[in-house]
Amino acid sequence: AAGLRASAVVDCSAGADAPAAVGRVAELITGGSTAVSGVLLKSFLAEGQQPPPPQDERPDAAKALKHGVSIADACVGWEATHAALEQLAAAVKA
């Protein structure tokens, strides 16, 4: 649209490559790019992914689940999320 600058939200949620993708986005920002308007990073308490528990009535059906690990998409853990946010914040301030 007229008068709007072109920008994109960059999907950095590619599992193990997420930190590298965030690093590349940070380099773009540090280099003066204004084309990045946001970053998508799939994050949870702990890194990884696990299958959802069986859909049954057993009270112990979910006991095998690991606390803090996503049962949906693969996610980076809290430490990697914190590092990514720090890296992006530093790039914006540079």
PDB file of N, CA and C in Angstrom:
ATOM      1  N   ALA A   1       0.839  -1.178   0.000  1.00  0.00           N
ATOM      2  CA  ALA A   1       0.000   0.000   0.000  1.00  0.00           C
ATOM      3  C   ALA A   1       0.879   1.234   0.000  1.00  0.00           C
ATOM      4  N   ALA A   2       0.351   2.276  -0.554  1.00  0.00           N
ATOM      5  CA  ALA A   2       1.097   3.522  -0.674  1.00  0.00           C
ATOM      6  C   ALA A   2       1.463   4.067   0.697  1.00  0.00           C
ATOM      7  N   GLY A   3       2.708   4.476   0.861  1.00  0.00           N
ATOM      8  CA  GLY A   3       3.158   5.085   2.099  1.00  0.00           C
ATOM      9  C   GLY A   3       3.598   4.123   3.169  1.00  0.00           C
ATOM     10  N   LEU A   4       3.423   2.837   2.968  1.00  0.00           N
ATOM     11  CA  LEU A   4       3.848   1.850   3.966  1.00  0.00           C
ATOM     12  C   LEU A   4       5.184   1.246   3.550  1.00  0.00           C
ATOM     13  N   ARG A   5       6.059   1.068   4.514  1.00  0.00           N
ATOM     14  CA  ARG A   5       7.341   0.446   4.181  1.00  0.00           C
ATOM     15  C   ARG A   5       7.180  -1.078   4.169  1.00  0.00           C
ATOM     16  N   ALA A   6       7.917  -1.707   3.301  1.00  0.00           N
ATOM     17  CA  ALA A   6       7.883  -3.169   3.219  1.00  0.00           C
ATOM     18  C   ALA A   6       8.608  -3.758   4.412  1.00  0.00           C
ATOM     19  N   SER A   7       7.988  -4.714   5.072  1.00  0.00           N
ATOM     20  CA  SER A   7       8.628  -5.388   6.199  1.00  0.00           C
ATOM     21  C   SER A   7       8.067  -6.793   6.311  1.00  0.00           C
ATOM     22  N   ALA A   8       8.770  -7.611   7.094  1.00  0.00           N
ATOM     23  CA  ALA A   8       8.354  -9.007   7.231  1.00  0.00           C
ATOM     24  C   ALA A   8       8.605  -9.495   8.647  1.00  0.00           C
ATOM     25  N   VAL A   9       7.784 -10.446   9.078  1.00  0.00           N
ATOM     26  CA  VAL A   9       8.028 -11.190  10.303  1.00  0.00           C
ATOM     27  C   VAL A   9       8.794 -12.438   9.876  1.00  0.00           C
ATOM     28  N   VAL A  10       9.937 -12.674  10.484  1.00  0.00           N
ATOM     29  CA  VAL A  10      10.801 -13.779  10.092  1.00  0.00           C
ATOM     30  C   VAL A  10      10.537 -14.980  11.002  1.00  0.00           C
ATOM     31  N   ASP A  11      10.247 -16.121  10.393  1.00  0.00           N
ATOM     32  CA  ASP A  11      10.000 -17.354  11.135  1.00  0.00           C
ATOM     33  C   ASP A  11      11.339 -18.007  11.468  1.00  0.00           C
ATOM     34  N   CYS A  12      11.723 -17.958  12.727  1.00  0.00           N
ATOM     35  CA  CYS A  12      12.984 -18.551  13.195  1.00  0.00           C
ATOM     36  C   CYS A  12      12.725 -19.820  13.993  1.00  0.00           C
ATOM     37  N   SER A  13      11.623 -20.473  13.758  1.00  0.00           N
ATOM     38  CA  SER A  13      11.210 -21.599  14.608  1.00  0.00           C
ATOM     39  C   SER A  13      11.581 -22.958  14.051  1.00  0.00           C
ATOM     40  N   ALA A  14      12.671 -23.035  13.335  1.00  0.00           N
ATOM     41  CA  ALA A  14      13.051 -24.294  12.702  1.00  0.00           C
ATOM     42  C   ALA A  14      13.862 -25.187  13.634  1.00  0.00           C
ATOM     43  N   GLY A  15      13.373 -25.416  14.832  1.00  0.00           N
ATOM     44  CA  GLY A  15      14.007 -26.358  15.765  1.00  0.00           C
ATOM     45  C   GLY A  15      15.435 -26.019  16.100  1.00  0.00           C
ATOM     46  N   ALA A  16      16.345 -26.939  15.825  1.00  0.00           N
ATOM     47  CA  ALA A  16      17.750 -26.763  16.196  1.00  0.00           C
ATOM     48  C   ALA A  16      18.401 -25.593  15.470  1.00  0.00           C
ATOM     49  N   ASP A  17      17.862 -25.183  14.334  1.00  0.00           N
ATOM     50  CA  ASP A  17      18.422 -24.068  13.584  1.00  0.00           C
ATOM     51  C   ASP A  17      17.910 -22.717  14.060  1.00  0.00           C
ATOM     52  N   ALA A  18      17.020 -22.696  15.038  1.00  0.00           N
ATOM     53  CA  ALA A  18      16.438 -21.441  15.514  1.00  0.00           C
ATOM     54  C   ALA A  18      17.494 -20.453  15.987  1.00  0.00           C
ATOM     55  N   PRO A  19      18.472 -20.850  16.809  1.00  0.00           N
ATOM     56  CA  PRO A  19      19.486 -19.876  17.242  1.00  0.00           C
ATOM     57  C   PRO A  19      20.276 -19.291  16.070  1.00  0.00           C
ATOM     58  N   ALA A  20      20.582 -20.106  15.082  1.00  0.00           N
ATOM     59  CA  ALA A  20      21.311 -19.611  13.906  1.00  0.00           C
ATOM     60  C   ALA A  20      20.452 -18.631  13.117  1.00  0.00           C
ATOM     61  N   ALA A  21      19.168 -18.923  12.988  1.00  0.00           N
ATOM     62  CA  ALA A  21      18.263 -18.022  12.261  1.00  0.00           C
ATOM     63  C   ALA A  21      18.134 -16.690  12.991  1.00  0.00           C
ATOM     64  N   VAL A  22      18.030 -16.732  14.305  1.00  0.00           N
ATOM     65  CA  VAL A  22      17.965 -15.500  15.095  1.00  0.00           C
ATOM     66  C   VAL A  22      19.249 -14.705  14.901  1.00  0.00           C
ATOM     67  N   GLY A  23      20.383 -15.379  14.876  1.00  0.00           N
ATOM     68  CA  GLY A  23      21.667 -14.714  14.653  1.00  0.00           C
ATOM     69  C   GLY A  23      21.713 -13.999  13.324  1.00  0.00           C
ATOM     70  N   ARG A  24      21.183 -14.632  12.280  1.00  0.00           N
ATOM     71  CA  ARG A  24      21.159 -13.988  10.956  1.00  0.00           C
ATOM     72  C   ARG A  24      20.245 -12.769  10.951  1.00  0.00           C
ATOM     73  N   VAL A  25      19.111 -12.858  11.630  1.00  0.00           N
ATOM     74  CA  VAL A  25      18.199 -11.712  11.725  1.00  0.00           C
ATOM     75  C   VAL A  25      18.874 -10.585  12.502  1.00  0.00           C
ATOM     76  N   ALA A  26      19.548 -10.917  13.586  1.00  0.00           N
ATOM     77  CA  ALA A  26      20.254  -9.904  14.371  1.00  0.00           C
ATOM     78  C   ALA A  26      21.317  -9.206  13.525  1.00  0.00           C
ATOM     79  N   GLU A  27      22.020  -9.965  12.692  1.00  0.00           N
ATOM     80  CA  GLU A  27      23.020  -9.365  11.799  1.00  0.00           C
ATOM     81  C   GLU A  27      22.369  -8.388  10.820  1.00  0.00           C
ATOM     82  N   LEU A  28      21.211  -8.757  10.291  1.00  0.00           N
ATOM     83  CA  LEU A  28      20.489  -7.852   9.386  1.00  0.00           C
ATOM     84  C   LEU A  28      20.133  -6.549  10.095  1.00  0.00           C
ATOM     85  N   ILE A  29      19.614  -6.674  11.291  1.00  0.00           N
ATOM     86  CA  ILE A  29      19.200  -5.492  12.053  1.00  0.00           C
ATOM     87  C   ILE A  29      20.400  -4.626  12.401  1.00  0.00           C
ATOM     88  N   THR A  30      21.474  -5.260  12.868  1.00  0.00           N
ATOM     89  CA  THR A  30      22.691  -4.523  13.198  1.00  0.00           C
ATOM     90  C   THR A  30      23.239  -3.809  11.962  1.00  0.00           C
ATOM     91  N   GLY A  31      23.082  -4.434  10.811  1.00  0.00           N
ATOM     92  CA  GLY A  31      23.544  -3.850   9.549  1.00  0.00           C
ATOM     93  C   GLY A  31      22.681  -2.718   9.039  1.00  0.00           C
ATOM     94  N   GLY A  32      21.602  -2.407   9.755  1.00  0.00           N
ATOM     95  CA  GLY A  32      20.771  -1.270   9.365  1.00  0.00           C
ATOM     96  C   GLY A  32      19.485  -1.617   8.641  1.00  0.00           C
ATOM     97  N   SER A  33      19.220  -2.897   8.461  1.00  0.00           N
ATOM     98  CA  SER A  33      17.988  -3.281   7.780  1.00  0.00           C
ATOM     99  C   SER A  33      16.761  -2.884   8.610  1.00  0.00           C
ATOM    100  N   THR A  34      15.783  -2.320   7.942  1.00  0.00           N
ATOM    101  CA  THR A  34      14.506  -1.999   8.586  1.00  0.00           C
ATOM    102  C   THR A  34      13.392  -2.888   8.037  1.00  0.00           C
ATOM    103  N   ALA A  35      13.783  -3.939   7.332  1.00  0.00           N
ATOM    104  CA  ALA A  35      12.804  -4.813   6.697  1.00  0.00           C
ATOM    105  C   ALA A  35      12.208  -5.838   7.660  1.00  0.00           C
ATOM    106  N   VAL A  36      12.789  -5.997   8.843  1.00  0.00           N
ATOM    107  CA  VAL A  36      12.290  -6.981   9.808  1.00  0.00           C
ATOM    108  C   VAL A  36      11.382  -6.275  10.811  1.00  0.00           C
ATOM    109  N   SER A  37      10.132  -6.690  10.847  1.00  0.00           N
ATOM    110  CA  SER A  37       9.194  -6.082  11.793  1.00  0.00           C
ATOM    111  C   SER A  37       8.895  -6.997  12.974  1.00  0.00           C
ATOM    112  N   GLY A  38       9.345  -8.241  12.912  1.00  0.00           N
ATOM    113  CA  GLY A  38       9.104  -9.162  14.010  1.00  0.00           C
ATOM    114  C   GLY A  38       9.779 -10.494  13.765  1.00  0.00           C
ATOM    115  N   VAL A  39       9.789 -11.328  14.814  1.00  0.00           N
ATOM    116  CA  VAL A  39      10.410 -12.647  14.757  1.00  0.00           C
ATOM    117  C   VAL A  39       9.459 -13.652  15.390  1.00  0.00           C
ATOM    118  N   LEU A  40       9.294 -14.799  14.747  1.00  0.00           N
ATOM    119  CA  LEU A  40       8.514 -15.900  15.304  1.00  0.00           C
ATOM    120  C   LEU A  40       9.497 -16.930  15.843  1.00  0.00           C
ATOM    121  N   LEU A  41       9.363 -17.258  17.113  1.00  0.00           N
ATOM    122  CA  LEU A  41      10.228 -18.239  17.746  1.00  0.00           C
ATOM    123  C   LEU A  41       9.352 -19.116  18.629  1.00  0.00           C
ATOM    124  N   LYS A  42       9.276 -20.391  18.315  1.00  0.00           N
ATOM    125  CA  LYS A  42       8.462 -21.306  19.118  1.00  0.00           C
ATOM    126  C   LYS A  42       9.257 -21.680  20.361  1.00  0.00           C
ATOM    127  N   SER A  43       8.705 -21.306  21.517  1.00  0.00           N
ATOM    128  CA  SER A  43       9.426 -21.416  22.765  1.00  0.00           C
ATOM    129  C   SER A  43       8.547 -22.052  23.836  1.00  0.00           C
ATOM    130  N   PHE A  44       9.186 -22.797  24.724  1.00  0.00           N
ATOM    131  CA  PHE A  44       8.494 -23.399  25.853  1.00  0.00           C
ATOM    132  C   PHE A  44       9.487 -23.485  27.000  1.00  0.00           C
ATOM    133  N   LEU A  45       9.105 -24.036  28.110  1.00  0.00           N
ATOM    134  CA  LEU A  45       9.997 -24.104  29.270  1.00  0.00           C
ATOM    135  C   LEU A  45      11.239 -24.942  28.988  1.00  0.00           C
ATOM    136  N   ALA A  46      11.050 -26.096  28.375  1.00  0.00           N
ATOM    137  CA  ALA A  46      12.166 -26.986  28.052  1.00  0.00           C
ATOM    138  C   ALA A  46      12.205 -27.228  26.553  1.00  0.00           C
ATOM    139  N   GLU A  47      13.388 -27.473  26.041  1.00  0.00           N
ATOM    140  CA  GLU A  47      13.569 -27.703  24.613  1.00  0.00           C
ATOM    141  C   GLU A  47      12.952 -29.033  24.193  1.00  0.00           C
ATOM    142  N   GLY A  48      12.444 -29.081  22.967  1.00  0.00           N
ATOM    143  CA  GLY A  48      12.002 -30.337  22.386  1.00  0.00           C
ATOM    144  C   GLY A  48      10.513 -30.432  22.137  1.00  0.00           C
ATOM    145  N   GLN A  49      10.095 -31.669  21.942  1.00  0.00           N
ATOM    146  CA  GLN A  49       8.706 -31.999  21.631  1.00  0.00           C
ATOM    147  C   GLN A  49       8.459 -33.424  22.106  1.00  0.00           C
ATOM    148  N   GLN A  50       7.234 -33.685  22.511  1.00  0.00           N
ATOM    149  CA  GLN A  50       6.859 -35.033  22.903  1.00  0.00           C
ATOM    150  C   GLN A  50       5.437 -35.305  22.427  1.00  0.00           C
ATOM    151  N   PRO A  51       5.104 -36.558  22.209  1.00  0.00           N
ATOM    152  CA  PRO A  51       3.747 -36.859  21.766  1.00  0.00           C
ATOM    153  C   PRO A  51       2.742 -36.600  22.884  1.00  0.00           C
ATOM    154  N   PRO A  52       1.533 -36.209  22.529  1.00  0.00           N
ATOM    155  CA  PRO A  52       0.508 -36.012  23.554  1.00  0.00           C
ATOM    156  C   PRO A  52       0.167 -37.343  24.231  1.00  0.00           C
ATOM    157  N   PRO A  53      -0.365 -37.278  25.437  1.00  0.00           N
ATOM    158  CA  PRO A  53      -0.713 -38.525  26.129  1.00  0.00           C
ATOM    159  C   PRO A  53      -1.885 -39.216  25.441  1.00  0.00           C
ATOM    160  N   PRO A  54      -2.048 -40.492  25.667  1.00  0.00           N
ATOM    161  CA  PRO A  54      -3.186 -41.200  25.081  1.00  0.00           C
ATOM    162  C   PRO A  54      -4.510 -40.599  25.575  1.00  0.00           C
ATOM    163  N   GLN A  55      -5.487 -40.614  24.715  1.00  0.00           N
ATOM    164  CA  GLN A  55      -6.812 -40.076  25.060  1.00  0.00           C
ATOM    165  C   GLN A  55      -7.645 -41.182  25.688  1.00  0.00           C
ATOM    166  N   ASP A  56      -7.393 -41.449  26.947  1.00  0.00           N
ATOM    167  CA  ASP A  56      -8.196 -42.451  27.638  1.00  0.00           C
ATOM    168  C   ASP A  56      -8.488 -41.974  29.059  1.00  0.00           C
ATOM    169  N   GLU A  57      -9.159 -42.774  29.805  1.00  0.00           N
ATOM    170  CA  GLU A  57      -9.612 -42.384  31.132  1.00  0.00           C
ATOM    171  C   GLU A  57      -8.667 -42.798  32.255  1.00  0.00           C
ATOM    172  N   ARG A  58      -7.542 -43.423  31.926  1.00  0.00           N
ATOM    173  CA  ARG A  58      -6.615 -43.845  32.981  1.00  0.00           C
ATOM    174  C   ARG A  58      -6.025 -42.624  33.674  1.00  0.00           C
ATOM    175  N   PRO A  59      -6.079 -42.565  34.986  1.00  0.00           N
ATOM    176  CA  PRO A  59      -5.545 -41.401  35.699  1.00  0.00           C
ATOM    177  C   PRO A  59      -4.043 -41.219  35.523  1.00  0.00           C
ATOM    178  N   ASP A  60      -3.320 -42.290  35.205  1.00  0.00           N
ATOM    179  CA  ASP A  60      -1.878 -42.191  35.052  1.00  0.00           C
ATOM    180  C   ASP A  60      -1.434 -42.064  33.595  1.00  0.00           C
ATOM    181  N   ALA A  61      -2.362 -41.803  32.684  1.00  0.00           N
ATOM    182  CA  ALA A  61      -2.036 -41.761  31.253  1.00  0.00           C
ATOM    183  C   ALA A  61      -0.992 -40.700  30.915  1.00  0.00           C
ATOM    184  N   ALA A  62      -0.966 -39.618  31.645  1.00  0.00           N
ATOM    185  CA  ALA A  62      -0.041 -38.524  31.337  1.00  0.00           C
ATOM    186  C   ALA A  62       1.244 -38.580  32.161  1.00  0.00           C
ATOM    187  N   LYS A  63       1.433 -39.591  32.984  1.00  0.00           N
ATOM    188  CA  LYS A  63       2.609 -39.655  33.855  1.00  0.00           C
ATOM    189  C   LYS A  63       3.925 -39.723  33.081  1.00  0.00           C
ATOM    190  N   ALA A  64       3.898 -40.239  31.878  1.00  0.00           N
ATOM    191  CA  ALA A  64       5.129 -40.369  31.097  1.00  0.00           C
ATOM    192  C   ALA A  64       5.575 -39.041  30.492  1.00  0.00           C
ATOM    193  N   LEU A  65       4.722 -38.020  30.556  1.00  0.00           N
ATOM    194  CA  LEU A  65       5.091 -36.729  29.981  1.00  0.00           C
ATOM    195  C   LEU A  65       6.190 -36.055  30.792  1.00  0.00           C
ATOM    196  N   LYS A  66       7.087 -35.374  30.089  1.00  0.00           N
ATOM    197  CA  LYS A  66       8.141 -34.601  30.744  1.00  0.00           C
ATOM    198  C   LYS A  66       7.601 -33.205  31.014  1.00  0.00           C
ATOM    199  N   HIS A  67       7.772 -32.726  32.227  1.00  0.00           N
ATOM    200  CA  HIS A  67       7.288 -31.396  32.599  1.00  0.00           C
ATOM    201  C   HIS A  67       7.997 -30.322  31.763  1.00  0.00           C
ATOM    202  N   GLY A  68       7.204 -29.400  31.224  1.00  0.00           N
ATOM    203  CA  GLY A  68       7.758 -28.261  30.515  1.00  0.00           C
ATOM    204  C   GLY A  68       8.124 -28.499  29.068  1.00  0.00           C
ATOM    205  N   VAL A  69       7.855 -29.685  28.527  1.00  0.00           N
ATOM    206  CA  VAL A  69       8.163 -29.993  27.133  1.00  0.00           C
ATOM    207  C   VAL A  69       6.862 -29.975  26.339  1.00  0.00           C
ATOM    208  N   SER A  70       6.867 -29.274  25.220  1.00  0.00           N
ATOM    209  CA  SER A  70       5.671 -29.113  24.392  1.00  0.00           C
ATOM    210  C   SER A  70       5.122 -30.451  23.897  1.00  0.00           C
ATOM    211  N   ILE A  71       3.795 -30.544  23.842  1.00  0.00           N
ATOM    212  CA  ILE A  71       3.159 -31.709  23.203  1.00  0.00           C
ATOM    213  C   ILE A  71       2.610 -31.318  21.842  1.00  0.00           C
ATOM    214  N   ALA A  72       2.998 -30.166  21.369  1.00  0.00           N
ATOM    215  CA  ALA A  72       2.568 -29.707  20.044  1.00  0.00           C
ATOM    216  C   ALA A  72       3.797 -29.651  19.135  1.00  0.00           C
ATOM    217  N   ASP A  73       4.316 -28.465  18.905  1.00  0.00           N
ATOM    218  CA  ASP A  73       5.463 -28.281  18.011  1.00  0.00           C
ATOM    219  C   ASP A  73       6.775 -28.376  18.766  1.00  0.00           C
ATOM    220  N   ALA A  74       7.845 -28.647  18.029  1.00  0.00           N
ATOM    221  CA  ALA A  74       9.178 -28.604  18.620  1.00  0.00           C
ATOM    222  C   ALA A  74       9.487 -27.165  19.006  1.00  0.00           C
ATOM    223  N   CYS A  75      10.038 -26.985  20.184  1.00  0.00           N
ATOM    224  CA  CYS A  75      10.302 -25.644  20.713  1.00  0.00           C
ATOM    225  C   CYS A  75      11.726 -25.547  21.232  1.00  0.00           C
ATOM    226  N   VAL A  76      12.220 -24.311  21.284  1.00  0.00           N
ATOM    227  CA  VAL A  76      13.471 -24.058  21.989  1.00  0.00           C
ATOM    228  C   VAL A  76      13.123 -23.863  23.457  1.00  0.00           C
ATOM    229  N   GLY A  77      14.063 -24.120  24.331  1.00  0.00           N
ATOM    230  CA  GLY A  77      13.828 -23.970  25.759  1.00  0.00           C
ATOM    231  C   GLY A  77      14.015 -22.541  26.227  1.00  0.00           C
ATOM    232  N   TRP A  78      13.793 -22.346  27.536  1.00  0.00           N
ATOM    233  CA  TRP A  78      13.862 -21.004  28.106  1.00  0.00           C
ATOM    234  C   TRP A  78      15.236 -20.367  27.926  1.00  0.00           C
ATOM    235  N   GLU A  79      16.315 -21.119  28.145  1.00  0.00           N
ATOM    236  CA  GLU A  79      17.656 -20.546  28.044  1.00  0.00           C
ATOM    237  C   GLU A  79      17.916 -20.027  26.629  1.00  0.00           C
ATOM    238  N   ALA A  80      17.561 -20.806  25.619  1.00  0.00           N
ATOM    239  CA  ALA A  80      17.758 -20.376  24.228  1.00  0.00           C
ATOM    240  C   ALA A  80      16.860 -19.196  23.888  1.00  0.00           C
ATOM    241  N   THR A  81      15.650 -19.177  24.438  1.00  0.00           N
ATOM    242  CA  THR A  81      14.735 -18.054  24.208  1.00  0.00           C
ATOM    243  C   THR A  81      15.316 -16.780  24.802  1.00  0.00           C
ATOM    244  N   HIS A  82      15.799 -16.865  26.024  1.00  0.00           N
ATOM    245  CA  HIS A  82      16.387 -15.702  26.686  1.00  0.00           C
ATOM    246  C   HIS A  82      17.583 -15.178  25.891  1.00  0.00           C
ATOM    247  N   ALA A  83      18.447 -16.082  25.456  1.00  0.00           N
ATOM    248  CA  ALA A  83      19.620 -15.684  24.672  1.00  0.00           C
ATOM    249  C   ALA A  83      19.202 -15.019  23.358  1.00  0.00           C
ATOM    250  N   ALA A  84      18.185 -15.560  22.696  1.00  0.00           N
ATOM    251  CA  ALA A  84      17.710 -14.989  21.432  1.00  0.00           C
ATOM    252  C   ALA A  84      17.157 -13.585  21.640  1.00  0.00           C
ATOM    253  N   LEU A  85      16.377 -13.401  22.690  1.00  0.00           N
ATOM    254  CA  LEU A  85      15.814 -12.080  22.965  1.00  0.00           C
ATOM    255  C   LEU A  85      16.904 -11.075  23.309  1.00  0.00           C
ATOM    256  N   GLU A  86      17.899 -11.497  24.072  1.00  0.00           N
ATOM    257  CA  GLU A  86      19.029 -10.614  24.387  1.00  0.00           C
ATOM    258  C   GLU A  86      19.781 -10.227  23.123  1.00  0.00           C
ATOM    259  N   GLN A  87      20.011 -11.204  22.247  1.00  0.00           N
ATOM    260  CA  GLN A  87      20.734 -10.942  20.999  1.00  0.00           C
ATOM    261  C   GLN A  87      19.964  -9.977  20.101  1.00  0.00           C
ATOM    262  N   LEU A  88      18.661 -10.162  19.993  1.00  0.00           N
ATOM    263  CA  LEU A  88      17.843  -9.271  19.171  1.00  0.00           C
ATOM    264  C   LEU A  88      17.766  -7.867  19.779  1.00  0.00           C
ATOM    265  N   ALA A  89      17.647  -7.789  21.095  1.00  0.00           N
ATOM    266  CA  ALA A  89      17.614  -6.474  21.759  1.00  0.00           C
ATOM    267  C   ALA A  89      18.908  -5.720  21.531  1.00  0.00           C
ATOM    268  N   ALA A  90      20.037  -6.416  21.618  1.00  0.00           N
ATOM    269  CA  ALA A  90      21.328  -5.768  21.386  1.00  0.00           C
ATOM    270  C   ALA A  90      21.427  -5.270  19.942  1.00  0.00           C
ATOM    271  N   ALA A  91      20.894  -6.052  19.009  1.00  0.00           N
ATOM    272  CA  ALA A  91      20.933  -5.656  17.597  1.00  0.00           C
ATOM    273  C   ALA A  91      20.104  -4.398  17.365  1.00  0.00           C
ATOM    274  N   VAL A  92      18.959  -4.304  18.004  1.00  0.00           N
ATOM    275  CA  VAL A  92      18.099  -3.129  17.845  1.00  0.00           C
ATOM    276  C   VAL A  92      18.781  -1.897  18.424  1.00  0.00           C
ATOM    277  N   LYS A  93      19.477  -2.066  19.537  1.00  0.00           N
ATOM    278  CA  LYS A  93      20.147  -0.941  20.192  1.00  0.00           C
ATOM    279  C   LYS A  93      21.413  -0.495  19.455  1.00  0.00           C
ATOM    280  N   ALA A  94      21.989  -1.374  18.632  1.00  0.00           N
ATOM    281  CA  ALA A  94      23.266  -1.070  17.947  1.00  0.00           C
ATOM    282  C   ALA A  94      23.099   0.025  16.917  1.00  0.00           C
TER     283      ALA A  94
END
